[in-house]
C-alpha cells in the first residue's frame, strides 16, 4: 500500500548553497515561534466586525462558504474563549488541533535543519 505522507526521494533544498538554506530555515523557525505569540498579543476580537469582507464567496455572491468565520473562531479559541469560537464556526474544535499539529511538524522540520548547520 502506498504511503500518503511519504517524503519524496527527489526532494531538493530550496537553495543550492547549504548556508543560505540554513539561514532561510532559521528565519522560518523564528517566524514560526513569533506567530502564536503575535496572535496572543492581539485582542481576541481583532477579526470581528471589521467591515471588510475577505471571502470571495461572500464578496461576490453574498453567500457564506464553509470556511466563513473560521479565522474569527480560531482567534477566539486561541484566547480560550470557547463559546465565542463555537459561535463563529462549529468545526473550530477539529480545525484548531489540526493547525497546531501542522505547526508542530513545521517547527520540528525547521529545528532539524537548523541543528545541522553546514560548516
C-alpha atoms as a PDB file:
ATOM      1  CA  UNK A   1       0.000   0.000   0.000  1.00  0.00           C
ATOM      2  CA  UNK A   2       1.285   3.418  -0.935  1.00  0.00           C
ATOM      3  CA  UNK A   3       2.173   5.802   1.892  1.00  0.00           C
ATOM      4  CA  UNK A   4       0.268   9.051   1.628  1.00  0.00           C
ATOM      5  CA  UNK A   5       2.671  11.246   3.578  1.00  0.00           C
ATOM      6  CA  UNK A   6       5.923   9.653   2.412  1.00  0.00           C
ATOM      7  CA  UNK A   7       8.654  12.130   1.599  1.00  0.00           C
ATOM      8  CA  UNK A   8       9.754  12.248  -1.989  1.00  0.00           C
ATOM      9  CA  UNK A   9      13.232  10.872  -2.621  1.00  0.00           C
ATOM     10  CA  UNK A  10      13.826  13.638  -5.150  1.00  0.00           C
ATOM     11  CA  UNK A  11      13.202  16.443  -2.631  1.00  0.00           C
ATOM     12  CA  UNK A  12      15.778  19.169  -3.082  1.00  0.00           C
ATOM     13  CA  UNK A  13      16.676  22.022  -0.761  1.00  0.00           C
ATOM     14  CA  UNK A  14      15.233  25.425  -1.535  1.00  0.00           C
ATOM     15  CA  UNK A  15      18.641  26.903  -2.353  1.00  0.00           C
ATOM     16  CA  UNK A  16      21.736  25.194  -3.728  1.00  0.00           C
ATOM     17  CA  UNK A  17      24.029  26.858  -1.168  1.00  0.00           C
ATOM     18  CA  UNK A  18      23.602  24.948   2.141  1.00  0.00           C
ATOM     19  CA  UNK A  19      24.436  28.016   4.255  1.00  0.00           C
ATOM     20  CA  UNK A  20      21.723  30.090   2.558  1.00  0.00           C
ATOM     21  CA  UNK A  21      19.261  27.237   3.013  1.00  0.00           C
ATOM     22  CA  UNK A  22      20.214  27.045   6.708  1.00  0.00           C
ATOM     23  CA  UNK A  23      19.645  30.808   7.144  1.00  0.00           C
ATOM     24  CA  UNK A  24      16.279  30.654   5.412  1.00  0.00           C
ATOM     25  CA  UNK A  25      15.225  27.851   7.743  1.00  0.00           C
ATOM     26  CA  UNK A  26      16.454  29.831  10.741  1.00  0.00           C
ATOM     27  CA  UNK A  27      14.292  32.792   9.705  1.00  0.00           C
ATOM     28  CA  UNK A  28      11.378  30.396   9.108  1.00  0.00           C
ATOM     29  CA  UNK A  29      11.838  28.928  12.589  1.00  0.00           C
ATOM     30  CA  UNK A  30      11.846  32.403  14.164  1.00  0.00           C
ATOM     31  CA  UNK A  31       8.657  33.299  12.290  1.00  0.00           C
ATOM     32  CA  UNK A  32       7.033  30.059  13.424  1.00  0.00           C
ATOM     33  CA  UNK A  33       7.762  30.896  17.053  1.00  0.00           C
ATOM     34  CA  UNK A  34       6.614  34.504  16.709  1.00  0.00           C
ATOM     35  CA  UNK A  35       3.294  33.735  15.011  1.00  0.00           C
ATOM     36  CA  UNK A  36       1.425  32.305  18.033  1.00  0.00           C
ATOM     37  CA  UNK A  37       2.896  34.998  20.277  1.00  0.00           C
ATOM     38  CA  UNK A  38       1.587  37.728  17.975  1.00  0.00           C
ATOM     39  CA  UNK A  39      -1.836  36.080  17.951  1.00  0.00           C
ATOM     40  CA  UNK A  40      -1.869  36.083  21.769  1.00  0.00           C
ATOM     41  CA  UNK A  41      -0.835  39.740  21.889  1.00  0.00           C
ATOM     42  CA  UNK A  42      -3.622  40.796  19.526  1.00  0.00           C
ATOM     43  CA  UNK A  43      -7.033  41.105  21.151  1.00  0.00           C
ATOM     44  CA  UNK A  44      -9.390  38.200  20.503  1.00  0.00           C
ATOM     45  CA  UNK A  45     -11.847  40.416  18.633  1.00  0.00           C
ATOM     46  CA  UNK A  46      -9.273  41.570  16.053  1.00  0.00           C
ATOM     47  CA  UNK A  47     -11.102  39.913  13.162  1.00  0.00           C
ATOM     48  CA  UNK A  48     -14.647  40.546  14.430  1.00  0.00           C
ATOM     49  CA  UNK A  49     -16.858  43.006  12.546  1.00  0.00           C
ATOM     50  CA  UNK A  50     -14.071  44.722  10.642  1.00  0.00           C
ATOM     51  CA  UNK A  51     -16.492  45.651   7.864  1.00  0.00           C
ATOM     52  CA  UNK A  52     -14.063  44.308   5.270  1.00  0.00           C
ATOM     53  CA  UNK A  53     -15.008  41.038   3.563  1.00  0.00           C
ATOM     54  CA  UNK A  54     -12.114  38.771   2.551  1.00  0.00           C
ATOM     55  CA  UNK A  55     -14.203  35.776   1.494  1.00  0.00           C
ATOM     56  CA  UNK A  56     -14.710  35.850  -2.314  1.00  0.00           C
ATOM     57  CA  UNK A  57     -17.913  33.807  -1.974  1.00  0.00           C
ATOM     58  CA  UNK A  58     -19.456  36.355   0.362  1.00  0.00           C
ATOM     59  CA  UNK A  59     -17.985  39.325  -1.504  1.00  0.00           C
ATOM     60  CA  UNK A  60     -19.206  38.356  -4.981  1.00  0.00           C
ATOM     61  CA  UNK A  61     -22.238  36.135  -4.346  1.00  0.00           C
ATOM     62  CA  UNK A  62     -23.338  37.187  -0.818  1.00  0.00           C
ATOM     63  CA  UNK A  63     -23.274  33.509   0.229  1.00  0.00           C
ATOM     64  CA  UNK A  64     -21.240  32.257   3.175  1.00  0.00           C
ATOM     65  CA  UNK A  65     -18.857  29.426   2.342  1.00  0.00           C
ATOM     66  CA  UNK A  66     -17.893  26.567   4.671  1.00  0.00           C
ATOM     67  CA  UNK A  67     -14.842  28.464   5.833  1.00  0.00           C
ATOM     68  CA  UNK A  68     -16.596  31.706   6.738  1.00  0.00           C
ATOM     69  CA  UNK A  69     -15.891  32.540  10.368  1.00  0.00           C
ATOM     70  CA  UNK A  70     -13.012  30.102  10.842  1.00  0.00           C
ATOM     71  CA  UNK A  71     -10.402  32.871  11.301  1.00  0.00           C
ATOM     72  CA  UNK A  72     -12.506  34.524  13.988  1.00  0.00           C
ATOM     73  CA  UNK A  73     -13.234  31.162  15.608  1.00  0.00           C
ATOM     74  CA  UNK A  74      -9.550  30.181  15.670  1.00  0.00           C
ATOM     75  CA  UNK A  75      -8.636  33.554  17.150  1.00  0.00           C
ATOM     76  CA  UNK A  76     -11.209  33.175  19.931  1.00  0.00           C
ATOM     77  CA  UNK A  77     -10.170  29.584  20.626  1.00  0.00           C
ATOM     78  CA  UNK A  78      -6.534  30.715  20.746  1.00  0.00           C
ATOM     79  CA  UNK A  79      -7.613  33.058  23.560  1.00  0.00           C
ATOM     80  CA  UNK A  80      -9.562  30.239  25.302  1.00  0.00           C
ATOM     81  CA  UNK A  81     -12.950  31.814  24.561  1.00  0.00           C
ATOM     82  CA  UNK A  82     -14.723  28.565  23.747  1.00  0.00           C
ATOM     83  CA  UNK A  83     -18.314  29.796  23.433  1.00  0.00           C
ATOM     84  CA  UNK A  84     -17.336  32.610  21.065  1.00  0.00           C
ATOM     85  CA  UNK A  85     -15.239  30.208  18.996  1.00  0.00           C
ATOM     86  CA  UNK A  86     -18.163  27.803  18.699  1.00  0.00           C
ATOM     87  CA  UNK A  87     -20.469  30.686  17.763  1.00  0.00           C
ATOM     88  CA  UNK A  88     -18.310  31.711  14.790  1.00  0.00           C
ATOM     89  CA  UNK A  89     -17.627  28.206  13.420  1.00  0.00           C
ATOM     90  CA  UNK A  90     -18.708  24.815  14.722  1.00  0.00           C
ATOM     91  CA  UNK A  91     -15.730  22.917  13.229  1.00  0.00           C
ATOM     92  CA  UNK A  92     -13.138  25.007  15.081  1.00  0.00           C
ATOM     93  CA  UNK A  93     -12.561  22.227  17.608  1.00  0.00           C
ATOM     94  CA  UNK A  94     -11.450  19.998  14.726  1.00  0.00           C
ATOM     95  CA  UNK A  95      -9.578  22.613  12.678  1.00  0.00           C
ATOM     96  CA  UNK A  96      -7.558  24.179  15.513  1.00  0.00           C
ATOM     97  CA  UNK A  97      -5.882  20.939  16.687  1.00  0.00           C
ATOM     98  CA  UNK A  98      -5.001  20.174  13.052  1.00  0.00           C
ATOM     99  CA  UNK A  99      -3.445  23.636  12.697  1.00  0.00           C
ATOM    100  CA  UNK A 100      -1.445  23.072  15.874  1.00  0.00           C
ATOM    101  CA  UNK A 101      -0.277  19.686  14.556  1.00  0.00           C
ATOM    102  CA  UNK A 102       0.860  21.252  11.276  1.00  0.00           C
ATOM    103  CA  UNK A 103       2.670  23.979  13.248  1.00  0.00           C
ATOM    104  CA  UNK A 104       4.438  21.366  15.401  1.00  0.00           C
ATOM    105  CA  UNK A 105       5.534  19.403  12.322  1.00  0.00           C
ATOM    106  CA  UNK A 106       6.885  22.571  10.663  1.00  0.00           C
ATOM    107  CA  UNK A 107       8.790  23.514  13.819  1.00  0.00           C
ATOM    108  CA  UNK A 108      10.215  20.001  14.098  1.00  0.00           C
ATOM    109  CA  UNK A 109      11.442  20.054  10.498  1.00  0.00           C
ATOM    110  CA  UNK A 110      12.927  23.546  10.832  1.00  0.00           C
ATOM    111  CA  UNK A 111      14.720  22.603  14.074  1.00  0.00           C
ATOM    112  CA  UNK A 112      16.239  19.562  12.371  1.00  0.00           C
ATOM    113  CA  UNK A 113      17.645  21.707   9.581  1.00  0.00           C
ATOM    114  CA  UNK A 114      18.891  24.441  11.911  1.00  0.00           C
ATOM    115  CA  UNK A 115      20.579  21.919  14.231  1.00  0.00           C
ATOM    116  CA  UNK A 116      22.587  20.512  11.299  1.00  0.00           C
ATOM    117  CA  UNK A 117      24.383  23.746  10.452  1.00  0.00           C
ATOM    118  CA  UNK A 118      26.747  23.335   7.480  1.00  0.00           C
ATOM    119  CA  UNK A 119      30.404  24.099   8.014  1.00  0.00           C
END
